[in-house]
Each structure stands twice: as C-alpha cells, then as structure tokens.
Amino acid sequence: LATKKRANWKQKKQDTSNINFYVKEKDEKKTKALRKVSRGI
C-alpha cells in the first residue's frame, strides 16, 4: 500500500500514527498466519 503524510505538523503526526498502526497490525497477522500455514490449512 502507498501512503502519504500531510504537510501540516498535526496532520503529519496523525498520519504517522495511523500508518504505524497499519504496519504493526499487518505484520502481526502475517506472522500468525504463516505459523498456521506451516501447520497446514
């Protein structure tokens, strides 16, 4: 996914937080899914 951070410092801070949340959730679910796949699906 392409993302952007707006120029305004407050919006940039919010965008950074939202992007970090997305990356963290996505990486955690990928790791969990790969463990499931290794056991067979």
PDB file of all heavy atoms in Angstrom:
ATOM      1  N   LEU A   1       0.808  -1.226   0.000  1.00  0.00           N
ATOM      2  CA  LEU A   1       0.000   0.000   0.000  1.00  0.00           C
ATOM      3  C   LEU A   1       0.839   1.273   0.000  1.00  0.00           C
ATOM      4  O   LEU A   1       1.783   1.420   0.782  1.00  0.00           O
ATOM      5  CB  LEU A   1      -0.916   0.033   1.228  1.00  0.00           C
ATOM      6  CG  LEU A   1      -2.210  -0.767   1.158  1.00  0.00           C
ATOM      7  CD1 LEU A   1      -3.073  -0.441   2.363  1.00  0.00           C
ATOM      8  CD2 LEU A   1      -2.975  -0.484  -0.125  1.00  0.00           C
ATOM      9  N   ALA A   2       0.470   2.188  -0.879  1.00  0.00           N
ATOM     10  CA  ALA A   2       1.063   3.523  -0.868  1.00  0.00           C
ATOM     11  C   ALA A   2       0.404   4.345   0.235  1.00  0.00           C
ATOM     12  O   ALA A   2      -0.792   4.220   0.501  1.00  0.00           O
ATOM     13  CB  ALA A   2       0.844   4.191  -2.222  1.00  0.00           C
ATOM     14  N   THR A   3       1.187   5.150   0.900  1.00  0.00           N
ATOM     15  CA  THR A   3       0.663   6.012   1.970  1.00  0.00           C
ATOM     16  C   THR A   3       1.209   7.425   1.772  1.00  0.00           C
ATOM     17  O   THR A   3       2.100   7.649   0.958  1.00  0.00           O
ATOM     18  CB  THR A   3       1.079   5.495   3.362  1.00  0.00           C
ATOM     19  OG1 THR A   3       2.505   5.486   3.448  1.00  0.00           O
ATOM     20  CG2 THR A   3       0.538   4.103   3.618  1.00  0.00           C
ATOM     21  N   LYS A   4       0.660   8.358   2.539  1.00  0.00           N
ATOM     22  CA  LYS A   4       1.152   9.739   2.478  1.00  0.00           C
ATOM     23  C   LYS A   4       1.100  10.345   3.872  1.00  0.00           C
ATOM     24  O   LYS A   4       0.325   9.916   4.731  1.00  0.00           O
ATOM     25  CB  LYS A   4       0.305  10.570   1.515  1.00  0.00           C
ATOM     26  CG  LYS A   4      -1.090  10.907   2.050  1.00  0.00           C
ATOM     27  CD  LYS A   4      -1.884  11.763   1.085  1.00  0.00           C
ATOM     28  CE  LYS A   4      -3.267  12.096   1.675  1.00  0.00           C
ATOM     29  NZ  LYS A   4      -4.135  12.795   0.720  1.00  0.00           N
ATOM     30  N   LYS A   5       1.940  11.351   4.076  1.00  0.00           N
ATOM     31  CA  LYS A   5       1.911  12.125   5.309  1.00  0.00           C
ATOM     32  C   LYS A   5       1.732  13.589   4.917  1.00  0.00           C
ATOM     33  O   LYS A   5       2.531  14.127   4.146  1.00  0.00           O
ATOM     34  CB  LYS A   5       3.200  11.927   6.098  1.00  0.00           C
ATOM     35  CG  LYS A   5       3.385  10.501   6.606  1.00  0.00           C
ATOM     36  CD  LYS A   5       4.704  10.339   7.360  1.00  0.00           C
ATOM     37  CE  LYS A   5       4.904   8.889   7.775  1.00  0.00           C
ATOM     38  NZ  LYS A   5       6.221   8.695   8.466  1.00  0.00           N
ATOM     39  N   ARG A   6       0.685  14.189   5.420  1.00  0.00           N
ATOM     40  CA  ARG A   6       0.381  15.566   5.047  1.00  0.00           C
ATOM     41  C   ARG A   6       1.388  16.547   5.658  1.00  0.00           C
ATOM     42  O   ARG A   6       2.099  16.211   6.616  1.00  0.00           O
ATOM     43  CB  ARG A   6      -1.045  15.905   5.468  1.00  0.00           C
ATOM     44  CG  ARG A   6      -2.097  15.206   4.607  1.00  0.00           C
ATOM     45  CD  ARG A   6      -3.489  15.267   5.215  1.00  0.00           C
ATOM     46  NE  ARG A   6      -3.601  14.403   6.386  1.00  0.00           N
ATOM     47  CZ  ARG A   6      -4.724  14.223   7.081  1.00  0.00           C
ATOM     48  NH1 ARG A   6      -5.832  14.867   6.700  1.00  0.00           N
ATOM     49  NH2 ARG A   6      -4.741  13.426   8.128  1.00  0.00           N
ATOM     50  N   ALA A   7       1.449  17.749   5.096  1.00  0.00           N
ATOM     51  CA  ALA A   7       2.478  18.716   5.466  1.00  0.00           C
ATOM     52  C   ALA A   7       2.258  19.324   6.844  1.00  0.00           C
ATOM     53  O   ALA A   7       3.212  19.552   7.597  1.00  0.00           O
ATOM     54  CB  ALA A   7       2.550  19.823   4.413  1.00  0.00           C
ATOM     55  N   ASN A   8       1.000  19.604   7.184  1.00  0.00           N
ATOM     56  CA  ASN A   8       0.689  20.195   8.486  1.00  0.00           C
ATOM     57  C   ASN A   8       1.204  19.282   9.605  1.00  0.00           C
ATOM     58  O   ASN A   8       0.976  18.080   9.595  1.00  0.00           O
ATOM     59  CB  ASN A   8      -0.823  20.396   8.598  1.00  0.00           C
ATOM     60  CG  ASN A   8      -1.242  20.926   9.949  1.00  0.00           C
ATOM     61  OD1 ASN A   8      -1.361  20.179  10.902  1.00  0.00           O
ATOM     62  ND2 ASN A   8      -1.474  22.231  10.012  1.00  0.00           N
ATOM     63  N   TRP A   9       1.904  19.853  10.602  1.00  0.00           N
ATOM     64  CA  TRP A   9       2.580  19.030  11.606  1.00  0.00           C
ATOM     65  C   TRP A   9       1.606  18.157  12.400  1.00  0.00           C
ATOM     66  O   TRP A   9       1.921  17.003  12.721  1.00  0.00           O
ATOM     67  CB  TRP A   9       3.384  19.920  12.566  1.00  0.00           C
ATOM     68  CG  TRP A   9       2.548  20.711  13.541  1.00  0.00           C
ATOM     69  CD1 TRP A   9       2.059  21.966  13.382  1.00  0.00           C
ATOM     70  CD2 TRP A   9       2.120  20.269  14.840  1.00  0.00           C
ATOM     71  NE1 TRP A   9       1.338  22.355  14.481  1.00  0.00           N
ATOM     72  CE2 TRP A   9       1.360  21.328  15.405  1.00  0.00           C
ATOM     73  CE3 TRP A   9       2.289  19.110  15.574  1.00  0.00           C
ATOM     74  CZ2 TRP A   9       0.788  21.259  16.657  1.00  0.00           C
ATOM     75  CZ3 TRP A   9       1.715  19.020  16.836  1.00  0.00           C
ATOM     76  CH2 TRP A   9       0.970  20.091  17.375  1.00  0.00           C
ATOM     77  N   LYS A  10       0.426  18.704  12.693  1.00  0.00           N
ATOM     78  CA  LYS A  10      -0.559  17.927  13.457  1.00  0.00           C
ATOM     79  C   LYS A  10      -1.099  16.778  12.609  1.00  0.00           C
ATOM     80  O   LYS A  10      -1.235  15.644  13.088  1.00  0.00           O
ATOM     81  CB  LYS A  10      -1.701  18.846  13.904  1.00  0.00           C
ATOM     82  CG  LYS A  10      -2.675  18.178  14.865  1.00  0.00           C
ATOM     83  CD  LYS A  10      -3.691  19.195  15.395  1.00  0.00           C
ATOM     84  CE  LYS A  10      -4.623  18.538  16.401  1.00  0.00           C
ATOM     85  NZ  LYS A  10      -5.619  19.517  16.918  1.00  0.00           N
ATOM     86  N   GLN A  11      -1.418  17.063  11.346  1.00  0.00           N
ATOM     87  CA  GLN A  11      -1.902  16.016  10.448  1.00  0.00           C
ATOM     88  C   GLN A  11      -0.809  14.988  10.168  1.00  0.00           C
ATOM     89  O   GLN A  11      -1.083  13.788  10.075  1.00  0.00           O
ATOM     90  CB  GLN A  11      -2.392  16.646   9.137  1.00  0.00           C
ATOM     91  CG  GLN A  11      -3.650  17.476   9.286  1.00  0.00           C
ATOM     92  CD  GLN A  11      -4.044  18.159   7.990  1.00  0.00           C
ATOM     93  OE1 GLN A  11      -3.195  18.513   7.172  1.00  0.00           O
ATOM     94  NE2 GLN A  11      -5.350  18.348   7.801  1.00  0.00           N
ATOM     95  N   LYS A  12       0.437  15.457  10.044  1.00  0.00           N
ATOM     96  CA  LYS A  12       1.559  14.552   9.799  1.00  0.00           C
ATOM     97  C   LYS A  12       1.737  13.582  10.969  1.00  0.00           C
ATOM     98  O   LYS A  12       1.994  12.393  10.782  1.00  0.00           O
ATOM     99  CB  LYS A  12       2.835  15.351   9.579  1.00  0.00           C
ATOM    100  CG  LYS A  12       4.033  14.492   9.195  1.00  0.00           C
ATOM    101  CD  LYS A  12       5.235  15.360   8.869  1.00  0.00           C
ATOM    102  CE  LYS A  12       6.416  14.493   8.447  1.00  0.00           C
ATOM    103  NZ  LYS A  12       7.602  15.331   8.100  1.00  0.00           N
ATOM    104  N   LYS A  13       1.592  14.099  12.180  1.00  0.00           N
ATOM    105  CA  LYS A  13       1.690  13.256  13.374  1.00  0.00           C
ATOM    106  C   LYS A  13       0.583  12.204  13.388  1.00  0.00           C
ATOM    107  O   LYS A  13       0.822  11.028  13.705  1.00  0.00           O
ATOM    108  CB  LYS A  13       1.617  14.132  14.623  1.00  0.00           C
ATOM    109  CG  LYS A  13       1.789  13.368  15.926  1.00  0.00           C
ATOM    110  CD  LYS A  13       1.742  14.313  17.115  1.00  0.00           C
ATOM    111  CE  LYS A  13       1.897  13.545  18.421  1.00  0.00           C
ATOM    112  NZ  LYS A  13       1.830  14.458  19.609  1.00  0.00           N
ATOM    113  N   GLN A  14      -0.635  12.644  13.034  1.00  0.00           N
ATOM    114  CA  GLN A  14      -1.766  11.709  12.980  1.00  0.00           C
ATOM    115  C   GLN A  14      -1.551  10.658  11.897  1.00  0.00           C
ATOM    116  O   GLN A  14      -1.789   9.465  12.119  1.00  0.00           O
ATOM    117  CB  GLN A  14      -3.060  12.475  12.711  1.00  0.00           C
ATOM    118  CG  GLN A  14      -4.307  11.589  12.702  1.00  0.00           C
ATOM    119  CD  GLN A  14      -5.550  12.378  12.348  1.00  0.00           C
ATOM    120  OE1 GLN A  14      -5.545  13.215  11.449  1.00  0.00           O
ATOM    121  NE2 GLN A  14      -6.642  12.117  13.052  1.00  0.00           N
ATOM    122  N   ASP A  15      -1.094  11.083  10.718  1.00  0.00           N
ATOM    123  CA  ASP A  15      -0.846  10.144   9.623  1.00  0.00           C
ATOM    124  C   ASP A  15       0.219   9.123  10.010  1.00  0.00           C
ATOM    125  O   ASP A  15       0.088   7.932   9.722  1.00  0.00           O
ATOM    126  CB  ASP A  15      -0.391  10.894   8.369  1.00  0.00           C
ATOM    127  CG  ASP A  15      -1.505  11.732   7.759  1.00  0.00           C
ATOM    128  OD1 ASP A  15      -2.683  11.429   8.022  1.00  0.00           O
ATOM    129  OD2 ASP A  15      -1.190  12.681   7.023  1.00  0.00           O
ATOM    130  N   THR A  16       1.283   9.584  10.662  1.00  0.00           N
ATOM    131  CA  THR A  16       2.352   8.683  11.096  1.00  0.00           C
ATOM    132  C   THR A  16       1.813   7.625  12.054  1.00  0.00           C
ATOM    133  O   THR A  16       2.119   6.428  11.935  1.00  0.00           O
ATOM    134  CB  THR A  16       3.485   9.482  11.776  1.00  0.00           C
ATOM    135  OG1 THR A  16       4.017  10.427  10.855  1.00  0.00           O
ATOM    136  CG2 THR A  16       4.592   8.547  12.250  1.00  0.00           C
ATOM    137  N   SER A  17       0.995   8.058  12.998  1.00  0.00           N
ATOM    138  CA  SER A  17       0.402   7.125  13.971  1.00  0.00           C
ATOM    139  C   SER A  17      -0.490   6.095  13.274  1.00  0.00           C
ATOM    140  O   SER A  17      -0.434   4.900  13.580  1.00  0.00           O
ATOM    141  CB  SER A  17      -0.403   7.911  15.005  1.00  0.00           C
ATOM    142  OG  SER A  17      -1.081   7.055  15.886  1.00  0.00           O
ATOM    143  N   ASN A  18      -1.308   6.545  12.316  1.00  0.00           N
ATOM    144  CA  ASN A  18      -2.224   5.636  11.616  1.00  0.00           C
ATOM    145  C   ASN A  18      -1.465   4.650  10.725  1.00  0.00           C
ATOM    146  O   ASN A  18      -1.844   3.477  10.632  1.00  0.00           O
ATOM    147  CB  ASN A  18      -3.217   6.442  10.775  1.00  0.00           C
ATOM    148  CG  ASN A  18      -4.132   7.306  11.632  1.00  0.00           C
ATOM    149  OD1 ASN A  18      -4.399   6.979  12.788  1.00  0.00           O
ATOM    150  ND2 ASN A  18      -4.594   8.403  11.073  1.00  0.00           N
ATOM    151  N   ILE A  19      -0.416   5.115  10.083  1.00  0.00           N
ATOM    152  CA  ILE A  19       0.392   4.227   9.239  1.00  0.00           C
ATOM    153  C   ILE A  19       1.121   3.198  10.106  1.00  0.00           C
ATOM    154  O   ILE A  19       1.185   2.006   9.764  1.00  0.00           O
ATOM    155  CB  ILE A  19       1.400   5.045   8.399  1.00  0.00           C
ATOM    156  CG1 ILE A  19       0.650   5.887   7.364  1.00  0.00           C
ATOM    157  CG2 ILE A  19       2.397   4.118   7.703  1.00  0.00           C
ATOM    158  CD1 ILE A  19       1.506   6.932   6.680  1.00  0.00           C
ATOM    159  N   ASN A  20       1.654   3.642  11.243  1.00  0.00           N
ATOM    160  CA  ASN A  20       2.342   2.717  12.147  1.00  0.00           C
ATOM    161  C   ASN A  20       1.391   1.644  12.670  1.00  0.00           C
ATOM    162  O   ASN A  20       1.768   0.476  12.810  1.00  0.00           O
ATOM    163  CB  ASN A  20       2.966   3.478  13.314  1.00  0.00           C
ATOM    164  CG  ASN A  20       4.172   4.302  12.904  1.00  0.00           C
ATOM    165  OD1 ASN A  20       4.750   4.076  11.840  1.00  0.00           O
ATOM    166  ND2 ASN A  20       4.566   5.259  13.733  1.00  0.00           N
ATOM    167  N   PHE A  21       0.157   2.045  12.962  1.00  0.00           N
ATOM    168  CA  PHE A  21      -0.853   1.071  13.414  1.00  0.00           C
ATOM    169  C   PHE A  21      -1.107   0.031  12.332  1.00  0.00           C
ATOM    170  O   PHE A  21      -1.155  -1.172  12.608  1.00  0.00           O
ATOM    171  CB  PHE A  21      -2.148   1.800  13.775  1.00  0.00           C
ATOM    172  CG  PHE A  21      -3.300   0.877  14.081  1.00  0.00           C
ATOM    173  CD1 PHE A  21      -3.405   0.255  15.311  1.00  0.00           C
ATOM    174  CD2 PHE A  21      -4.283   0.622  13.120  1.00  0.00           C
ATOM    175  CE1 PHE A  21      -4.471  -0.610  15.598  1.00  0.00           C
ATOM    176  CE2 PHE A  21      -5.339  -0.232  13.390  1.00  0.00           C
ATOM    177  CZ  PHE A  21      -5.437  -0.851  14.624  1.00  0.00           C
ATOM    178  N   TYR A  22      -1.269   0.496  11.105  1.00  0.00           N
ATOM    179  CA  TYR A  22      -1.499  -0.410   9.973  1.00  0.00           C
ATOM    180  C   TYR A  22      -0.343  -1.399   9.813  1.00  0.00           C
ATOM    181  O   TYR A  22      -0.561  -2.609   9.670  1.00  0.00           O
ATOM    182  CB  TYR A  22      -1.709   0.415   8.698  1.00  0.00           C
ATOM    183  CG  TYR A  22      -1.140  -0.177   7.439  1.00  0.00           C
ATOM    184  CD1 TYR A  22      -1.712  -1.282   6.821  1.00  0.00           C
ATOM    185  CD2 TYR A  22       0.004   0.391   6.857  1.00  0.00           C
ATOM    186  CE1 TYR A  22      -1.161  -1.820   5.655  1.00  0.00           C
ATOM    187  CE2 TYR A  22       0.548  -0.131   5.698  1.00  0.00           C
ATOM    188  CZ  TYR A  22      -0.042  -1.236   5.103  1.00  0.00           C
ATOM    189  OH  TYR A  22       0.497  -1.765   3.960  1.00  0.00           O
ATOM    190  N   VAL A  23       0.889  -0.906   9.855  1.00  0.00           N
ATOM    191  CA  VAL A  23       2.062  -1.772   9.667  1.00  0.00           C
ATOM    192  C   VAL A  23       2.158  -2.792  10.799  1.00  0.00           C
ATOM    193  O   VAL A  23       2.401  -3.986  10.560  1.00  0.00           O
ATOM    194  CB  VAL A  23       3.353  -0.927   9.589  1.00  0.00           C
ATOM    195  CG1 VAL A  23       4.588  -1.821   9.594  1.00  0.00           C
ATOM    196  CG2 VAL A  23       3.347  -0.056   8.335  1.00  0.00           C
ATOM    197  N   LYS A  24       1.955  -2.346  12.023  1.00  0.00           N
ATOM    198  CA  LYS A  24       2.039  -3.246  13.181  1.00  0.00           C
ATOM    199  C   LYS A  24       0.995  -4.350  13.101  1.00  0.00           C
ATOM    200  O   LYS A  24       1.300  -5.537  13.289  1.00  0.00           O
ATOM    201  CB  LYS A  24       1.864  -2.433  14.470  1.00  0.00           C
ATOM    202  CG  LYS A  24       1.902  -3.257  15.755  1.00  0.00           C
ATOM    203  CD  LYS A  24       1.829  -2.325  16.959  1.00  0.00           C
ATOM    204  CE  LYS A  24       1.814  -3.107  18.268  1.00  0.00           C
ATOM    205  NZ  LYS A  24       0.549  -3.858  18.449  1.00  0.00           N
ATOM    206  N   GLU A  25      -0.266  -3.978  12.829  1.00  0.00           N
ATOM    207  CA  GLU A  25      -1.342  -4.965  12.731  1.00  0.00           C
ATOM    208  C   GLU A  25      -1.088  -5.946  11.592  1.00  0.00           C
ATOM    209  O   GLU A  25      -1.245  -7.161  11.744  1.00  0.00           O
ATOM    210  CB  GLU A  25      -2.678  -4.257  12.512  1.00  0.00           C
ATOM    211  CG  GLU A  25      -3.206  -3.525  13.709  1.00  0.00           C
ATOM    212  CD  GLU A  25      -3.635  -4.461  14.821  1.00  0.00           C
ATOM    213  OE1 GLU A  25      -4.447  -5.368  14.557  1.00  0.00           O
ATOM    214  OE2 GLU A  25      -3.139  -4.298  15.950  1.00  0.00           O
ATOM    215  N   LYS A  26      -0.667  -5.412  10.449  1.00  0.00           N
ATOM    216  CA  LYS A  26      -0.432  -6.252   9.274  1.00  0.00           C
ATOM    217  C   LYS A  26       0.698  -7.243   9.529  1.00  0.00           C
ATOM    218  O   LYS A  26       0.585  -8.443   9.219  1.00  0.00           O
ATOM    219  CB  LYS A  26      -0.124  -5.355   8.086  1.00  0.00           C
ATOM    220  CG  LYS A  26       0.184  -6.072   6.780  1.00  0.00           C
ATOM    221  CD  LYS A  26       1.666  -6.090   6.470  1.00  0.00           C
ATOM    222  CE  LYS A  26       2.243  -4.693   6.335  1.00  0.00           C
ATOM    223  NZ  LYS A  26       3.683  -4.722   5.965  1.00  0.00           N
ATOM    224  N   ASP A  27       1.784  -6.786  10.113  1.00  0.00           N
ATOM    225  CA  ASP A  27       2.925  -7.664  10.370  1.00  0.00           C
ATOM    226  C   ASP A  27       2.594  -8.744  11.405  1.00  0.00           C
ATOM    227  O   ASP A  27       3.005  -9.902  11.265  1.00  0.00           O
ATOM    228  CB  ASP A  27       4.135  -6.844  10.833  1.00  0.00           C
ATOM    229  CG  ASP A  27       4.754  -6.018   9.714  1.00  0.00           C
ATOM    230  OD1 ASP A  27       4.410  -6.286   8.533  1.00  0.00           O
ATOM    231  OD2 ASP A  27       5.556  -5.117  10.009  1.00  0.00           O
ATOM    232  N   GLU A  28       1.849  -8.357  12.436  1.00  0.00           N
ATOM    233  CA  GLU A  28       1.462  -9.333  13.460  1.00  0.00           C
ATOM    234  C   GLU A  28       0.577 -10.422  12.864  1.00  0.00           C
ATOM    235  O   GLU A  28       0.766 -11.617  13.140  1.00  0.00           O
ATOM    236  CB  GLU A  28       0.729  -8.637  14.611  1.00  0.00           C
ATOM    237  CG  GLU A  28       1.636  -7.855  15.538  1.00  0.00           C
ATOM    238  CD  GLU A  28       0.863  -7.193  16.661  1.00  0.00           C
ATOM    239  OE1 GLU A  28      -0.389  -7.324  16.688  1.00  0.00           O
ATOM    240  OE2 GLU A  28       1.508  -6.557  17.517  1.00  0.00           O
ATOM    241  N   LYS A  29      -0.396 -10.030  12.043  1.00  0.00           N
ATOM    242  CA  LYS A  29      -1.314 -11.003  11.456  1.00  0.00           C
ATOM    243  C   LYS A  29      -0.593 -11.881  10.422  1.00  0.00           C
ATOM    244  O   LYS A  29      -0.901 -13.063  10.284  1.00  0.00           O
ATOM    245  CB  LYS A  29      -2.501 -10.273  10.802  1.00  0.00           C
ATOM    246  CG  LYS A  29      -3.365  -9.502  11.784  1.00  0.00           C
ATOM    247  CD  LYS A  29      -3.902 -10.385  12.886  1.00  0.00           C
ATOM    248  CE  LYS A  29      -4.920  -9.671  13.775  1.00  0.00           C
ATOM    249  NZ  LYS A  29      -4.309  -8.632  14.611  1.00  0.00           N
ATOM    250  N   LYS A  30       0.372 -11.326   9.714  1.00  0.00           N
ATOM    251  CA  LYS A  30       1.155 -12.121   8.763  1.00  0.00           C
ATOM    252  C   LYS A  30       1.951 -13.198   9.491  1.00  0.00           C
ATOM    253  O   LYS A  30       1.962 -14.369   9.084  1.00  0.00           O
ATOM    254  CB  LYS A  30       2.119 -11.226   7.987  1.00  0.00           C
ATOM    255  CG  LYS A  30       1.534 -10.594   6.740  1.00  0.00           C
ATOM    256  CD  LYS A  30       2.587  -9.829   5.984  1.00  0.00           C
ATOM    257  CE  LYS A  30       3.675 -10.750   5.446  1.00  0.00           C
ATOM    258  NZ  LYS A  30       4.714 -10.005   4.700  1.00  0.00           N
ATOM    259  N   THR A  31       2.621 -12.817  10.573  1.00  0.00           N
ATOM    260  CA  THR A  31       3.404 -13.780  11.354  1.00  0.00           C
ATOM    261  C   THR A  31       2.519 -14.896  11.888  1.00  0.00           C
ATOM    262  O   THR A  31       2.864 -16.085  11.813  1.00  0.00           O
ATOM    263  CB  THR A  31       4.110 -13.057  12.524  1.00  0.00           C
ATOM    264  OG1 THR A  31       4.957 -12.032  12.005  1.00  0.00           O
ATOM    265  CG2 THR A  31       4.936 -14.035  13.339  1.00  0.00           C
ATOM    266  N   LYS A  32       1.368 -14.521  12.403  1.00  0.00           N
ATOM    267  CA  LYS A  32       0.421 -15.504  12.947  1.00  0.00           C
ATOM    268  C   LYS A  32      -0.103 -16.419  11.853  1.00  0.00           C
ATOM    269  O   LYS A  32      -0.210 -17.646  12.037  1.00  0.00           O
ATOM    270  CB  LYS A  32      -0.732 -14.762  13.627  1.00  0.00           C
ATOM    271  CG  LYS A  32      -1.737 -15.657  14.321  1.00  0.00           C
ATOM    272  CD  LYS A  32      -2.804 -14.797  14.995  1.00  0.00           C
ATOM    273  CE  LYS A  32      -3.886 -15.658  15.632  1.00  0.00           C
ATOM    274  NZ  LYS A  32      -4.946 -14.810  16.246  1.00  0.00           N
ATOM    275  N   ALA A  33      -0.413 -15.851  10.687  1.00  0.00           N
ATOM    276  CA  ALA A  33      -0.944 -16.633   9.569  1.00  0.00           C
ATOM    277  C   ALA A  33       0.092 -17.621   9.044  1.00  0.00           C
ATOM    278  O   ALA A  33      -0.237 -18.768   8.719  1.00  0.00           O
ATOM    279  CB  ALA A  33      -1.403 -15.711   8.450  1.00  0.00           C
ATOM    280  N   LEU A  34       1.336 -17.198   8.962  1.00  0.00           N
ATOM    281  CA  LEU A  34       2.385 -18.086   8.457  1.00  0.00           C
ATOM    282  C   LEU A  34       2.602 -19.276   9.391  1.00  0.00           C
ATOM    283  O   LEU A  34       2.929 -20.382   8.933  1.00  0.00           O
ATOM    284  CB  LEU A  34       3.685 -17.304   8.264  1.00  0.00           C
ATOM    285  CG  LEU A  34       3.663 -16.284   7.107  1.00  0.00           C
ATOM    286  CD1 LEU A  34       4.909 -15.424   7.122  1.00  0.00           C
ATOM    287  CD2 LEU A  34       3.509 -17.005   5.766  1.00  0.00           C
ATOM    288  N   ARG A  35       2.420 -19.056  10.686  1.00  0.00           N
ATOM    289  CA  ARG A  35       2.508 -20.183  11.626  1.00  0.00           C
ATOM    290  C   ARG A  35       1.380 -21.179  11.369  1.00  0.00           C
ATOM    291  O   ARG A  35       1.575 -22.394  11.420  1.00  0.00           O
ATOM    292  CB  ARG A  35       2.444 -19.670  13.069  1.00  0.00           C
ATOM    293  CG  ARG A  35       3.727 -19.046  13.571  1.00  0.00           C
ATOM    294  CD  ARG A  35       3.776 -19.032  15.093  1.00  0.00           C
ATOM    295  NE  ARG A  35       2.681 -18.267  15.673  1.00  0.00           N
ATOM    296  CZ  ARG A  35       2.765 -16.982  15.995  1.00  0.00           C
ATOM    297  NH1 ARG A  35       3.895 -16.313  15.786  1.00  0.00           N
ATOM    298  NH2 ARG A  35       1.736 -16.363  16.534  1.00  0.00           N
ATOM    299  N   LYS A  36       0.177 -20.641  11.104  1.00  0.00           N
ATOM    300  CA  LYS A  36      -0.964 -21.514  10.803  1.00  0.00           C
ATOM    301  C   LYS A  36      -0.710 -22.306   9.521  1.00  0.00           C
ATOM    302  O   LYS A  36      -0.977 -23.508   9.449  1.00  0.00           O
ATOM    303  CB  LYS A  36      -2.247 -20.687  10.646  1.00  0.00           C
ATOM    304  CG  LYS A  36      -2.809 -20.142  11.937  1.00  0.00           C
ATOM    305  CD  LYS A  36      -4.117 -19.401  11.670  1.00  0.00           C
ATOM    306  CE  LYS A  36      -4.720 -18.845  12.951  1.00  0.00           C
ATOM    307  NZ  LYS A  36      -5.988 -18.112  12.699  1.00  0.00           N
ATOM    308  N   VAL A  37      -0.182 -21.629   8.500  1.00  0.00           N
ATOM    309  CA  VAL A  37       0.080 -22.275   7.220  1.00  0.00           C
ATOM    310  C   VAL A  37       1.105 -23.388   7.375  1.00  0.00           C
ATOM    311  O   VAL A  37       1.001 -24.453   6.750  1.00  0.00           O
ATOM    312  CB  VAL A  37       0.557 -21.240   6.180  1.00  0.00           C
ATOM    313  CG1 VAL A  37       1.037 -21.920   4.913  1.00  0.00           C
ATOM    314  CG2 VAL A  37      -0.567 -20.261   5.854  1.00  0.00           C
ATOM    315  N   SER A  38       2.102 -23.169   8.225  1.00  0.00           N
ATOM    316  CA  SER A  38       3.140 -24.181   8.417  1.00  0.00           C
ATOM    317  C   SER A  38       2.585 -25.455   9.040  1.00  0.00           C
ATOM    318  O   SER A  38       3.142 -26.540   8.868  1.00  0.00           O
ATOM    319  CB  SER A  38       4.255 -23.621   9.298  1.00  0.00           C
ATOM    320  OG  SER A  38       3.800 -23.406  10.624  1.00  0.00           O
ATOM    321  N   ARG A  39       1.461 -25.315   9.764  1.00  0.00           N
ATOM    322  CA  ARG A  39       0.826 -26.496  10.370  1.00  0.00           C
ATOM    323  C   ARG A  39      -0.195 -27.124   9.433  1.00  0.00           C
ATOM    324  O   ARG A  39      -0.770 -28.162   9.743  1.00  0.00           O
ATOM    325  CB  ARG A  39       0.153 -26.104  11.703  1.00  0.00           C
ATOM    326  CG  ARG A  39       1.128 -25.618  12.766  1.00  0.00           C
ATOM    327  CD  ARG A  39       0.471 -25.556  14.127  1.00  0.00           C
ATOM    328  NE  ARG A  39      -0.614 -24.593  14.183  1.00  0.00           N
ATOM    329  CZ  ARG A  39      -0.467 -23.329  14.587  1.00  0.00           C
ATOM    330  NH1 ARG A  39       0.741 -22.873  14.940  1.00  0.00           N
ATOM    331  NH2 ARG A  39      -1.503 -22.507  14.638  1.00  0.00           N
ATOM    332  N   GLY A  40      -0.466 -26.434   8.305  1.00  0.00           N
ATOM    333  CA  GLY A  40      -1.414 -26.950   7.324  1.00  0.00           C
ATOM    334  C   GLY A  40      -2.760 -26.258   7.394  1.00  0.00           C
ATOM    335  O   GLY A  40      -3.302 -26.064   8.487  1.00  0.00           O
ATOM    336  N   ILE A  41      -3.280 -25.872   6.239  1.00  0.00           N
ATOM    337  CA  ILE A  41      -4.598 -25.236   6.151  1.00  0.00           C
ATOM    338  C   ILE A  41      -5.392 -25.921   5.055  1.00  0.00           C
ATOM    339  O   ILE A  41      -4.827 -26.605   4.202  1.00  0.00           O
ATOM    340  CB  ILE A  41      -4.478 -23.726   5.847  1.00  0.00           C
ATOM    341  CG1 ILE A  41      -3.738 -23.493   4.520  1.00  0.00           C
ATOM    342  CG2 ILE A  41      -3.813 -22.989   6.986  1.00  0.00           C
ATOM    343  CD1 ILE A  41      -3.723 -22.041   4.073  1.00  0.00           C
TER     344      ILE A  41
END
